[in-house]
Amino acid sequence: MNDSGPRRLTLLRFLERVQLRDLERTRRWIADEERREAERRRGIEDKPAPPDWLLERGLNGHSPPVYVHAGDCWNAGKRSKGIDQEQARRALADGVAACPHCRPDSALRMLD
């Protein structure tokens, strides 16, 4: 049987519509992915720099500080707040422990 003629042309037009629909869907997926990537990059660029030093508080608001950390320390707890270099030096001098992981006392040259 010969597939030429109007039936073959109809099938080819149908295939063309399906492929165009698939192409448009793929282009939407690409646009969505480009938008997400741009948002991710913008989030990284807009993220504020970490503080130079952190003071980690105890379990409640009345507890004394437990550690001084470098600002980028991976072990700083959620109860940490940013402090400046002078505050970090003062806290170490007042007996607040230096984090054993990031060693802010070494960075501040305050070793015993």
PDB file of N, CA and C in Angstrom:
ATOM      1  N   MET A   1       0.841  -1.183   0.000  1.00  0.00           N
ATOM      2  CA  MET A   1       0.000   0.000   0.000  1.00  0.00           C
ATOM      3  C   MET A   1       0.881   1.238   0.000  1.00  0.00           C
ATOM      4  N   ASN A   2       0.539   2.188  -0.755  1.00  0.00           N
ATOM      5  CA  ASN A   2       1.287   3.425  -0.909  1.00  0.00           C
ATOM      6  C   ASN A   2       0.720   4.473   0.045  1.00  0.00           C
ATOM      7  N   ASP A   3       1.605   5.084   0.885  1.00  0.00           N
ATOM      8  CA  ASP A   3       1.161   6.072   1.877  1.00  0.00           C
ATOM      9  C   ASP A   3       1.219   7.486   1.329  1.00  0.00           C
ATOM     10  N   SER A   4       1.181   7.669   0.068  1.00  0.00           N
ATOM     11  CA  SER A   4       1.232   9.016  -0.484  1.00  0.00           C
ATOM     12  C   SER A   4      -0.171   9.603  -0.523  1.00  0.00           C
ATOM     13  N   GLY A   5      -0.218  10.862  -0.802  1.00  0.00           N
ATOM     14  CA  GLY A   5      -1.515  11.499  -0.956  1.00  0.00           C
ATOM     15  C   GLY A   5      -1.939  12.253   0.285  1.00  0.00           C
ATOM     16  N   PRO A   6      -3.228  12.619   0.373  1.00  0.00           N
ATOM     17  CA  PRO A   6      -3.736  13.468   1.440  1.00  0.00           C
ATOM     18  C   PRO A   6      -3.570  12.846   2.830  1.00  0.00           C
ATOM     19  N   ARG A   7      -3.703  11.541   2.945  1.00  0.00           N
ATOM     20  CA  ARG A   7      -3.568  10.897   4.257  1.00  0.00           C
ATOM     21  C   ARG A   7      -2.165  11.093   4.818  1.00  0.00           C
ATOM     22  N   ARG A   8      -1.155  10.917   4.027  1.00  0.00           N
ATOM     23  CA  ARG A   8       0.232  11.113   4.467  1.00  0.00           C
ATOM     24  C   ARG A   8       0.476  12.574   4.823  1.00  0.00           C
ATOM     25  N   LEU A   9      -0.026  13.484   4.039  1.00  0.00           N
ATOM     26  CA  LEU A   9       0.130  14.911   4.308  1.00  0.00           C
ATOM     27  C   LEU A   9      -0.569  15.283   5.626  1.00  0.00           C
ATOM     28  N   THR A  10      -1.724  14.723   5.881  1.00  0.00           N
ATOM     29  CA  THR A  10      -2.455  14.968   7.131  1.00  0.00           C
ATOM     30  C   THR A  10      -1.633  14.475   8.318  1.00  0.00           C
ATOM     31  N   LEU A  11      -1.062  13.305   8.204  1.00  0.00           N
ATOM     32  CA  LEU A  11      -0.243  12.764   9.287  1.00  0.00           C
ATOM     33  C   LEU A  11       1.010  13.608   9.517  1.00  0.00           C
ATOM     34  N   LEU A  12       1.616  14.081   8.445  1.00  0.00           N
ATOM     35  CA  LEU A  12       2.811  14.920   8.586  1.00  0.00           C
ATOM     36  C   LEU A  12       2.463  16.257   9.238  1.00  0.00           C
ATOM     37  N   ARG A  13       1.314  16.829   8.888  1.00  0.00           N
ATOM     38  CA  ARG A  13       0.879  18.089   9.531  1.00  0.00           C
ATOM     39  C   ARG A  13       0.605  17.857  11.023  1.00  0.00           C
ATOM     40  N   PHE A  14       0.003  16.725  11.338  1.00  0.00           N
ATOM     41  CA  PHE A  14      -0.240  16.374  12.741  1.00  0.00           C
ATOM     42  C   PHE A  14       1.091  16.259  13.497  1.00  0.00           C
ATOM     43  N   LEU A  15       2.057  15.574  12.916  1.00  0.00           N
ATOM     44  CA  LEU A  15       3.374  15.426  13.524  1.00  0.00           C
ATOM     45  C   LEU A  15       4.026  16.794  13.734  1.00  0.00           C
ATOM     46  N   GLU A  16       3.865  17.660  12.772  1.00  0.00           N
ATOM     47  CA  GLU A  16       4.435  19.003  12.884  1.00  0.00           C
ATOM     48  C   GLU A  16       3.822  19.749  14.076  1.00  0.00           C
ATOM     49  N   ARG A  17       2.507  19.662  14.255  1.00  0.00           N
ATOM     50  CA  ARG A  17       1.843  20.334  15.375  1.00  0.00           C
ATOM     51  C   ARG A  17       2.332  19.773  16.713  1.00  0.00           C
ATOM     52  N   VAL A  18       2.472  18.467  16.793  1.00  0.00           N
ATOM     53  CA  VAL A  18       2.957  17.835  18.018  1.00  0.00           C
ATOM     54  C   VAL A  18       4.378  18.315  18.321  1.00  0.00           C
ATOM     55  N   GLN A  19       5.209  18.336  17.323  1.00  0.00           N
ATOM     56  CA  GLN A  19       6.595  18.749  17.545  1.00  0.00           C
ATOM     57  C   GLN A  19       6.689  20.231  17.918  1.00  0.00           C
ATOM     58  N   LEU A  20       5.866  21.076  17.312  1.00  0.00           N
ATOM     59  CA  LEU A  20       5.852  22.491  17.676  1.00  0.00           C
ATOM     60  C   LEU A  20       5.396  22.677  19.129  1.00  0.00           C
ATOM     61  N   ARG A  21       4.376  21.910  19.516  1.00  0.00           N
ATOM     62  CA  ARG A  21       3.905  21.978  20.902  1.00  0.00           C
ATOM     63  C   ARG A  21       5.016  21.540  21.857  1.00  0.00           C
ATOM     64  N   ASP A  22       5.711  20.460  21.517  1.00  0.00           N
ATOM     65  CA  ASP A  22       6.819  19.986  22.349  1.00  0.00           C
ATOM     66  C   ASP A  22       7.945  21.021  22.405  1.00  0.00           C
ATOM     67  N   LEU A  23       8.225  21.649  21.280  1.00  0.00           N
ATOM     68  CA  LEU A  23       9.276  22.667  21.238  1.00  0.00           C
ATOM     69  C   LEU A  23       8.910  23.856  22.121  1.00  0.00           C
ATOM     70  N   GLU A  24       7.667  24.304  22.067  1.00  0.00           N
ATOM     71  CA  GLU A  24       7.223  25.411  22.909  1.00  0.00           C
ATOM     72  C   GLU A  24       7.313  25.043  24.393  1.00  0.00           C
ATOM     73  N   ARG A  25       6.924  23.839  24.740  1.00  0.00           N
ATOM     74  CA  ARG A  25       7.016  23.388  26.123  1.00  0.00           C
ATOM     75  C   ARG A  25       8.478  23.361  26.571  1.00  0.00           C
ATOM     76  N   THR A  26       9.352  22.861  25.741  1.00  0.00           N
ATOM     77  CA  THR A  26      10.779  22.829  26.071  1.00  0.00           C
ATOM     78  C   THR A  26      11.316  24.246  26.246  1.00  0.00           C
ATOM     79  N   ARG A  27      10.892  25.166  25.385  1.00  0.00           N
ATOM     80  CA  ARG A  27      11.336  26.561  25.512  1.00  0.00           C
ATOM     81  C   ARG A  27      10.823  27.175  26.824  1.00  0.00           C
ATOM     82  N   ARG A  28       9.614  26.826  27.249  1.00  0.00           N
ATOM     83  CA  ARG A  28       9.096  27.313  28.538  1.00  0.00           C
ATOM     84  C   ARG A  28       9.935  26.753  29.683  1.00  0.00           C
ATOM     85  N   TRP A  29      10.276  25.473  29.599  1.00  0.00           N
ATOM     86  CA  TRP A  29      11.118  24.863  30.633  1.00  0.00           C
ATOM     87  C   TRP A  29      12.472  25.565  30.705  1.00  0.00           C
ATOM     88  N   ILE A  30      13.052  25.862  29.564  1.00  0.00           N
ATOM     89  CA  ILE A  30      14.342  26.562  29.522  1.00  0.00           C
ATOM     90  C   ILE A  30      14.207  27.947  30.137  1.00  0.00           C
ATOM     91  N   ALA A  31      13.152  28.683  29.776  1.00  0.00           N
ATOM     92  CA  ALA A  31      12.938  30.022  30.336  1.00  0.00           C
ATOM     93  C   ALA A  31      12.747  29.956  31.847  1.00  0.00           C
ATOM     94  N   ASP A  32      11.979  28.977  32.323  1.00  0.00           N
ATOM     95  CA  ASP A  32      11.780  28.821  33.766  1.00  0.00           C
ATOM     96  C   ASP A  32      13.108  28.533  34.464  1.00  0.00           C
ATOM     97  N   GLU A  33      13.904  27.665  33.886  1.00  0.00           N
ATOM     98  CA  GLU A  33      15.194  27.315  34.487  1.00  0.00           C
ATOM     99  C   GLU A  33      16.139  28.522  34.483  1.00  0.00           C
ATOM    100  N   GLU A  34      16.136  29.297  33.408  1.00  0.00           N
ATOM    101  CA  GLU A  34      16.972  30.500  33.354  1.00  0.00           C
ATOM    102  C   GLU A  34      16.528  31.506  34.423  1.00  0.00           C
ATOM    103  N   ARG A  35      15.232  31.626  34.630  1.00  0.00           N
ATOM    104  CA  ARG A  35      14.710  32.532  35.655  1.00  0.00           C
ATOM    105  C   ARG A  35      15.135  32.073  37.051  1.00  0.00           C
ATOM    106  N   ARG A  36      15.025  30.774  37.320  1.00  0.00           N
ATOM    107  CA  ARG A  36      15.450  30.248  38.625  1.00  0.00           C
ATOM    108  C   ARG A  36      16.944  30.464  38.851  1.00  0.00           C
ATOM    109  N   GLU A  37      17.736  30.236  37.820  1.00  0.00           N
ATOM    110  CA  GLU A  37      19.183  30.416  37.942  1.00  0.00           C
ATOM    111  C   GLU A  37      19.525  31.886  38.201  1.00  0.00           C
ATOM    112  N   ALA A  38      18.841  32.799  37.513  1.00  0.00           N
ATOM    113  CA  ALA A  38      19.072  34.226  37.737  1.00  0.00           C
ATOM    114  C   ALA A  38      18.694  34.611  39.165  1.00  0.00           C
ATOM    115  N   GLU A  39      17.593  34.076  39.679  1.00  0.00           N
ATOM    116  CA  GLU A  39      17.184  34.349  41.056  1.00  0.00           C
ATOM    117  C   GLU A  39      18.202  33.796  42.043  1.00  0.00           C
ATOM    118  N   ARG A  40      18.722  32.608  41.773  1.00  0.00           N
ATOM    119  CA  ARG A  40      19.732  32.013  42.651  1.00  0.00           C
ATOM    120  C   ARG A  40      20.993  32.880  42.676  1.00  0.00           C
ATOM    121  N   ARG A  41      21.445  33.312  41.501  1.00  0.00           N
ATOM    122  CA  ARG A  41      22.637  34.165  41.432  1.00  0.00           C
ATOM    123  C   ARG A  41      22.399  35.492  42.147  1.00  0.00           C
ATOM    124  N   ARG A  42      21.223  36.077  41.950  1.00  0.00           N
ATOM    125  CA  ARG A  42      20.890  37.342  42.592  1.00  0.00           C
ATOM    126  C   ARG A  42      20.867  37.168  44.114  1.00  0.00           C
ATOM    127  N   GLY A  43      20.338  36.039  44.591  1.00  0.00           N
ATOM    128  CA  GLY A  43      20.328  35.768  46.024  1.00  0.00           C
ATOM    129  C   GLY A  43      21.729  35.669  46.596  1.00  0.00           C
ATOM    130  N   ILE A  44      22.622  35.040  45.859  1.00  0.00           N
ATOM    131  CA  ILE A  44      24.012  34.921  46.311  1.00  0.00           C
ATOM    132  C   ILE A  44      24.680  36.292  46.337  1.00  0.00           C
ATOM    133  N   GLU A  45      24.446  37.091  45.285  1.00  0.00           N
ATOM    134  CA  GLU A  45      25.064  38.417  45.206  1.00  0.00           C
ATOM    135  C   GLU A  45      24.514  39.363  46.264  1.00  0.00           C
ATOM    136  N   ASP A  46      23.230  39.258  46.577  1.00  0.00           N
ATOM    137  CA  ASP A  46      22.593  40.170  47.525  1.00  0.00           C
ATOM    138  C   ASP A  46      22.770  39.747  48.979  1.00  0.00           C
ATOM    139  N   LYS A  47      23.277  38.553  49.201  1.00  0.00           N
ATOM    140  CA  LYS A  47      23.436  38.058  50.574  1.00  0.00           C
ATOM    141  C   LYS A  47      24.481  38.907  51.293  1.00  0.00           C
ATOM    142  N   PRO A  48      24.134  39.419  52.469  1.00  0.00           N
ATOM    143  CA  PRO A  48      25.114  40.237  53.184  1.00  0.00           C
ATOM    144  C   PRO A  48      26.315  39.400  53.617  1.00  0.00           C
ATOM    145  N   ALA A  49      27.437  40.052  53.695  1.00  0.00           N
ATOM    146  CA  ALA A  49      28.659  39.368  54.139  1.00  0.00           C
ATOM    147  C   ALA A  49      28.498  38.984  55.607  1.00  0.00           C
ATOM    148  N   PRO A  50      29.051  37.851  56.005  1.00  0.00           N
ATOM    149  CA  PRO A  50      28.954  37.470  57.420  1.00  0.00           C
ATOM    150  C   PRO A  50      29.765  38.449  58.267  1.00  0.00           C
ATOM    151  N   PRO A  51      29.388  38.608  59.529  1.00  0.00           N
ATOM    152  CA  PRO A  51      30.185  39.481  60.398  1.00  0.00           C
ATOM    153  C   PRO A  51      31.574  38.876  60.583  1.00  0.00           C
ATOM    154  N   ASP A  52      32.507  39.699  60.960  1.00  0.00           N
ATOM    155  CA  ASP A  52      33.875  39.207  61.170  1.00  0.00           C
ATOM    156  C   ASP A  52      33.964  38.294  62.388  1.00  0.00           C
ATOM    157  N   TRP A  53      33.142  38.578  63.406  1.00  0.00           N
ATOM    158  CA  TRP A  53      33.203  37.817  64.655  1.00  0.00           C
ATOM    159  C   TRP A  53      31.793  37.571  65.157  1.00  0.00           C
ATOM    160  N   LEU A  54      31.625  36.498  65.923  1.00  0.00           N
ATOM    161  CA  LEU A  54      30.325  36.135  66.484  1.00  0.00           C
ATOM    162  C   LEU A  54      30.468  35.865  67.976  1.00  0.00           C
ATOM    163  N   LEU A  55      29.418  36.207  68.707  1.00  0.00           N
ATOM    164  CA  LEU A  55      29.340  35.889  70.122  1.00  0.00           C
ATOM    165  C   LEU A  55      28.147  34.957  70.293  1.00  0.00           C
ATOM    166  N   GLU A  56      28.424  33.749  70.762  1.00  0.00           N
ATOM    167  CA  GLU A  56      27.360  32.754  70.950  1.00  0.00           C
ATOM    168  C   GLU A  56      26.861  32.806  72.381  1.00  0.00           C
ATOM    169  N   ARG A  57      25.570  33.023  72.523  1.00  0.00           N
ATOM    170  CA  ARG A  57      24.927  33.100  73.831  1.00  0.00           C
ATOM    171  C   ARG A  57      24.603  31.718  74.360  1.00  0.00           C
ATOM    172  N   GLY A  58      24.318  31.636  75.659  1.00  0.00           N
ATOM    173  CA  GLY A  58      23.901  30.387  76.281  1.00  0.00           C
ATOM    174  C   GLY A  58      22.472  30.036  75.910  1.00  0.00           C
ATOM    175  N   LEU A  59      21.915  29.054  76.581  1.00  0.00           N
ATOM    176  CA  LEU A  59      20.601  28.521  76.224  1.00  0.00           C
ATOM    177  C   LEU A  59      19.453  29.495  76.428  1.00  0.00           C
ATOM    178  N   ASN A  60      19.560  30.409  77.373  1.00  0.00           N
ATOM    179  CA  ASN A  60      18.486  31.386  77.539  1.00  0.00           C
ATOM    180  C   ASN A  60      19.071  32.791  77.505  1.00  0.00           C
ATOM    181  N   GLY A  61      18.208  33.760  77.485  1.00  0.00           N
ATOM    182  CA  GLY A  61      18.661  35.140  77.364  1.00  0.00           C
ATOM    183  C   GLY A  61      19.490  35.646  78.527  1.00  0.00           C
ATOM    184  N   HIS A  62      19.412  34.963  79.671  1.00  0.00           N
ATOM    185  CA  HIS A  62      20.138  35.415  80.859  1.00  0.00           C
ATOM    186  C   HIS A  62      21.479  34.707  81.020  1.00  0.00           C
ATOM    187  N   SER A  63      21.746  33.708  80.212  1.00  0.00           N
ATOM    188  CA  SER A  63      23.006  32.968  80.322  1.00  0.00           C
ATOM    189  C   SER A  63      24.150  33.805  79.758  1.00  0.00           C
ATOM    190  N   PRO A  64      25.315  33.650  80.340  1.00  0.00           N
ATOM    191  CA  PRO A  64      26.473  34.372  79.789  1.00  0.00           C
ATOM    192  C   PRO A  64      26.878  33.763  78.439  1.00  0.00           C
ATOM    193  N   PRO A  65      27.644  34.505  77.656  1.00  0.00           N
ATOM    194  CA  PRO A  65      28.111  33.976  76.369  1.00  0.00           C
ATOM    195  C   PRO A  65      28.965  32.731  76.587  1.00  0.00           C
ATOM    196  N   VAL A  66      28.914  31.807  75.615  1.00  0.00           N
ATOM    197  CA  VAL A  66      29.680  30.573  75.758  1.00  0.00           C
ATOM    198  C   VAL A  66      30.887  30.509  74.829  1.00  0.00           C
ATOM    199  N   TYR A  67      30.816  31.138  73.668  1.00  0.00           N
ATOM    200  CA  TYR A  67      31.934  31.089  72.722  1.00  0.00           C
ATOM    201  C   TYR A  67      32.047  32.379  71.932  1.00  0.00           C
ATOM    202  N   VAL A  68      33.266  32.671  71.552  1.00  0.00           N
ATOM    203  CA  VAL A  68      33.549  33.669  70.521  1.00  0.00           C
ATOM    204  C   VAL A  68      33.940  32.871  69.287  1.00  0.00           C
ATOM    205  N   HIS A  69      33.379  33.226  68.144  1.00  0.00           N
ATOM    206  CA  HIS A  69      33.659  32.537  66.883  1.00  0.00           C
ATOM    207  C   HIS A  69      34.150  33.522  65.838  1.00  0.00           C
ATOM    208  N   ALA A  70      34.903  33.013  64.867  1.00  0.00           N
ATOM    209  CA  ALA A  70      35.148  33.781  63.652  1.00  0.00           C
ATOM    210  C   ALA A  70      33.824  33.858  62.898  1.00  0.00           C
ATOM    211  N   GLY A  71      33.616  34.905  62.130  1.00  0.00           N
ATOM    212  CA  GLY A  71      32.327  35.129  61.477  1.00  0.00           C
ATOM    213  C   GLY A  71      31.876  34.027  60.555  1.00  0.00           C
ATOM    214  N   ASP A  72      32.799  33.297  59.975  1.00  0.00           N
ATOM    215  CA  ASP A  72      32.421  32.246  59.028  1.00  0.00           C
ATOM    216  C   ASP A  72      32.524  30.841  59.631  1.00  0.00           C
ATOM    217  N   CYS A  73      32.540  30.757  60.948  1.00  0.00           N
ATOM    218  CA  CYS A  73      32.700  29.456  61.613  1.00  0.00           C
ATOM    219  C   CYS A  73      31.512  28.543  61.323  1.00  0.00           C
ATOM    220  N   TRP A  74      31.800  27.333  60.950  1.00  0.00           N
ATOM    221  CA  TRP A  74      30.747  26.354  60.658  1.00  0.00           C
ATOM    222  C   TRP A  74      30.062  25.862  61.926  1.00  0.00           C
ATOM    223  N   ASN A  75      30.678  26.081  63.075  1.00  0.00           N
ATOM    224  CA  ASN A  75      30.160  25.534  64.318  1.00  0.00           C
ATOM    225  C   ASN A  75      29.432  26.574  65.178  1.00  0.00           C
ATOM    226  N   ALA A  76      29.253  27.770  64.657  1.00  0.00           N
ATOM    227  CA  ALA A  76      28.560  28.807  65.429  1.00  0.00           C
ATOM    228  C   ALA A  76      27.091  28.414  65.592  1.00  0.00           C
ATOM    229  N   GLY A  77      26.591  28.534  66.803  1.00  0.00           N
ATOM    230  CA  GLY A  77      25.207  28.163  67.071  1.00  0.00           C
ATOM    231  C   GLY A  77      24.216  29.205  66.575  1.00  0.00           C
ATOM    232  N   LYS A  78      22.941  28.858  66.637  1.00  0.00           N
ATOM    233  CA  LYS A  78      21.885  29.755  66.177  1.00  0.00           C
ATOM    234  C   LYS A  78      21.703  30.951  67.097  1.00  0.00           C
ATOM    235  N   ARG A  79      22.254  30.869  68.281  1.00  0.00           N
ATOM    236  CA  ARG A  79      22.120  31.968  69.233  1.00  0.00           C
ATOM    237  C   ARG A  79      23.299  32.936  69.126  1.00  0.00           C
ATOM    238  N   SER A  80      23.970  32.948  67.991  1.00  0.00           N
ATOM    239  CA  SER A  80      25.132  33.818  67.798  1.00  0.00           C
ATOM    240  C   SER A  80      24.706  35.143  67.185  1.00  0.00           C
ATOM    241  N   LYS A  81      25.415  36.185  67.565  1.00  0.00           N
ATOM    242  CA  LYS A  81      25.167  37.496  66.964  1.00  0.00           C
ATOM    243  C   LYS A  81      26.502  38.099  66.560  1.00  0.00           C
ATOM    244  N   GLY A  82      26.455  38.935  65.544  1.00  0.00           N
ATOM    245  CA  GLY A  82      27.667  39.568  65.037  1.00  0.00           C
ATOM    246  C   GLY A  82      28.217  40.600  66.003  1.00  0.00           C
ATOM    247  N   ILE A  83      29.532  40.620  66.137  1.00  0.00           N
ATOM    248  CA  ILE A  83      30.207  41.625  66.964  1.00  0.00           C
ATOM    249  C   ILE A  83      31.430  42.115  66.204  1.00  0.00           C
ATOM    250  N   ASP A  84      31.957  43.260  66.632  1.00  0.00           N
ATOM    251  CA  ASP A  84      33.157  43.774  65.968  1.00  0.00           C
ATOM    252  C   ASP A  84      34.413  43.219  66.643  1.00  0.00           C
ATOM    253  N   GLN A  85      35.548  43.558  66.091  1.00  0.00           N
ATOM    254  CA  GLN A  85      36.812  42.996  66.574  1.00  0.00           C
ATOM    255  C   GLN A  85      37.084  43.388  68.024  1.00  0.00           C
ATOM    256  N   GLU A  86      36.802  44.616  68.388  1.00  0.00           N
ATOM    257  CA  GLU A  86      37.058  45.058  69.764  1.00  0.00           C
ATOM    258  C   GLU A  86      36.177  44.300  70.752  1.00  0.00           C
ATOM    259  N   GLN A  87      34.925  44.079  70.395  1.00  0.00           N
ATOM    260  CA  GLN A  87      34.028  43.310  71.268  1.00  0.00           C
ATOM    261  C   GLN A  87      34.507  41.865  71.390  1.00  0.00           C
ATOM    262  N   ALA A  88      35.007  41.300  70.297  1.00  0.00           N
ATOM    263  CA  ALA A  88      35.525  39.930  70.343  1.00  0.00           C
ATOM    264  C   ALA A  88      36.740  39.850  71.259  1.00  0.00           C
ATOM    265  N   ARG A  89      37.646  40.818  71.144  1.00  0.00           N
ATOM    266  CA  ARG A  89      38.828  40.847  72.009  1.00  0.00           C
ATOM    267  C   ARG A  89      38.424  40.988  73.480  1.00  0.00           C
ATOM    268  N   ARG A  90      37.455  41.876  73.739  1.00  0.00           N
ATOM    269  CA  ARG A  90      37.008  42.107  75.106  1.00  0.00           C
ATOM    270  C   ARG A  90      36.366  40.844  75.681  1.00  0.00           C
ATOM    271  N   ALA A  91      35.542  40.164  74.888  1.00  0.00           N
ATOM    272  CA  ALA A  91      34.890  38.937  75.365  1.00  0.00           C
ATOM    273  C   ALA A  91      35.933  37.868  75.695  1.00  0.00           C
ATOM    274  N   LEU A  92      36.931  37.706  74.838  1.00  0.00           N
ATOM    275  CA  LEU A  92      37.985  36.721  75.111  1.00  0.00           C
ATOM    276  C   LEU A  92      38.761  37.101  76.364  1.00  0.00           C
ATOM    277  N   ALA A  93      39.058  38.398  76.504  1.00  0.00           N
ATOM    278  CA  ALA A  93      39.789  38.858  77.683  1.00  0.00           C
ATOM    279  C   ALA A  93      38.959  38.668  78.957  1.00  0.00           C
ATOM    280  N   ASP A  94      37.637  38.756  78.830  1.00  0.00           N
ATOM    281  CA  ASP A  94      36.748  38.583  79.984  1.00  0.00           C
ATOM    282  C   ASP A  94      36.478  37.116  80.300  1.00  0.00           C
ATOM    283  N   GLY A  95      37.095  36.200  79.555  1.00  0.00           N
ATOM    284  CA  GLY A  95      36.982  34.786  79.879  1.00  0.00           C
ATOM    285  C   GLY A  95      36.006  33.976  79.055  1.00  0.00           C
ATOM    286  N   VAL A  96      35.386  34.593  78.045  1.00  0.00           N
ATOM    287  CA  VAL A  96      34.516  33.806  77.166  1.00  0.00           C
ATOM    288  C   VAL A  96      35.431  32.881  76.348  1.00  0.00           C
ATOM    289  N   ALA A  97      35.060  31.634  76.237  1.00  0.00           N
ATOM    290  CA  ALA A  97      35.906  30.651  75.551  1.00  0.00           C
ATOM    291  C   ALA A  97      35.972  30.927  74.050  1.00  0.00           C
ATOM    292  N   ALA A  98      37.140  30.660  73.502  1.00  0.00           N
ATOM    293  CA  ALA A  98      37.300  30.726  72.047  1.00  0.00           C
ATOM    294  C   ALA A  98      36.818  29.408  71.447  1.00  0.00           C
ATOM    295  N   CYS A  99      36.130  29.482  70.355  1.00  0.00           N
ATOM    296  CA  CYS A  99      35.669  28.260  69.686  1.00  0.00           C
ATOM    297  C   CYS A  99      36.885  27.386  69.360  1.00  0.00           C
ATOM    298  N   PRO A 100      36.847  26.110  69.724  1.00  0.00           N
ATOM    299  CA  PRO A 100      37.991  25.245  69.447  1.00  0.00           C
ATOM    300  C   PRO A 100      38.126  24.881  67.968  1.00  0.00           C
ATOM    301  N   HIS A 101      37.121  25.200  67.166  1.00  0.00           N
ATOM    302  CA  HIS A 101      37.170  24.846  65.740  1.00  0.00           C
ATOM    303  C   HIS A 101      37.736  25.972  64.887  1.00  0.00           C
ATOM    304  N   CYS A 102      37.252  27.195  65.083  1.00  0.00           N
ATOM    305  CA  CYS A 102      37.710  28.298  64.236  1.00  0.00           C
ATOM    306  C   CYS A 102      38.840  29.110  64.866  1.00  0.00           C
ATOM    307  N   ARG A 103      39.062  28.928  66.154  1.00  0.00           N
ATOM    308  CA  ARG A 103      40.166  29.545  66.902  1.00  0.00           C
ATOM    309  C   ARG A 103      40.283  31.064  66.693  1.00  0.00           C
ATOM    310  N   PRO A 104      39.274  31.817  67.114  1.00  0.00           N
ATOM    311  CA  PRO A 104      39.351  33.262  66.959  1.00  0.00           C
ATOM    312  C   PRO A 104      40.474  33.883  67.793  1.00  0.00           C
ATOM    313  N   ASP A 105      40.871  33.227  68.875  1.00  0.00           N
ATOM    314  CA  ASP A 105      41.967  33.754  69.678  1.00  0.00           C
ATOM    315  C   ASP A 105      43.266  33.755  68.879  1.00  0.00           C
ATOM    316  N   SER A 106      43.456  32.772  68.014  1.00  0.00           N
ATOM    317  CA  SER A 106      44.636  32.759  67.157  1.00  0.00           C
ATOM    318  C   SER A 106      44.557  33.871  66.118  1.00  0.00           C
ATOM    319  N   ALA A 107      43.401  34.022  65.518  1.00  0.00           N
ATOM    320  CA  ALA A 107      43.233  35.061  64.491  1.00  0.00           C
ATOM    321  C   ALA A 107      43.398  36.453  65.094  1.00  0.00           C
ATOM    322  N   LEU A 108      42.987  36.621  66.354  1.00  0.00           N
ATOM    323  CA  LEU A 108      43.111  37.915  67.026  1.00  0.00           C
ATOM    324  C   LEU A 108      44.456  38.064  67.750  1.00  0.00           C
ATOM    325  N   ARG A 109      45.298  37.040  67.653  1.00  0.00           N
ATOM    326  CA  ARG A 109      46.618  37.017  68.307  1.00  0.00           C
ATOM    327  C   ARG A 109      46.496  37.250  69.833  1.00  0.00           C
ATOM    328  N   MET A 110      45.554  36.488  70.401  1.00  0.00           N
ATOM    329  CA  MET A 110      45.322  36.596  71.846  1.00  0.00           C
ATOM    330  C   MET A 110      45.566  35.262  72.519  1.00  0.00           C
ATOM    331  N   LEU A 111      46.542  34.523  72.104  1.00  0.00           N
ATOM    332  CA  LEU A 111      46.829  33.227  72.714  1.00  0.00           C
ATOM    333  C   LEU A 111      47.481  33.414  74.069  1.00  0.00           C
ATOM    334  N   ASP A 112      47.169  32.505  74.972  1.00  0.00           N
ATOM    335  CA  ASP A 112      47.761  32.562  76.326  1.00  0.00           C
ATOM    336  C   ASP A 112      49.194  32.078  76.290  1.00  0.00           C
TER     337      ASP A 112
END
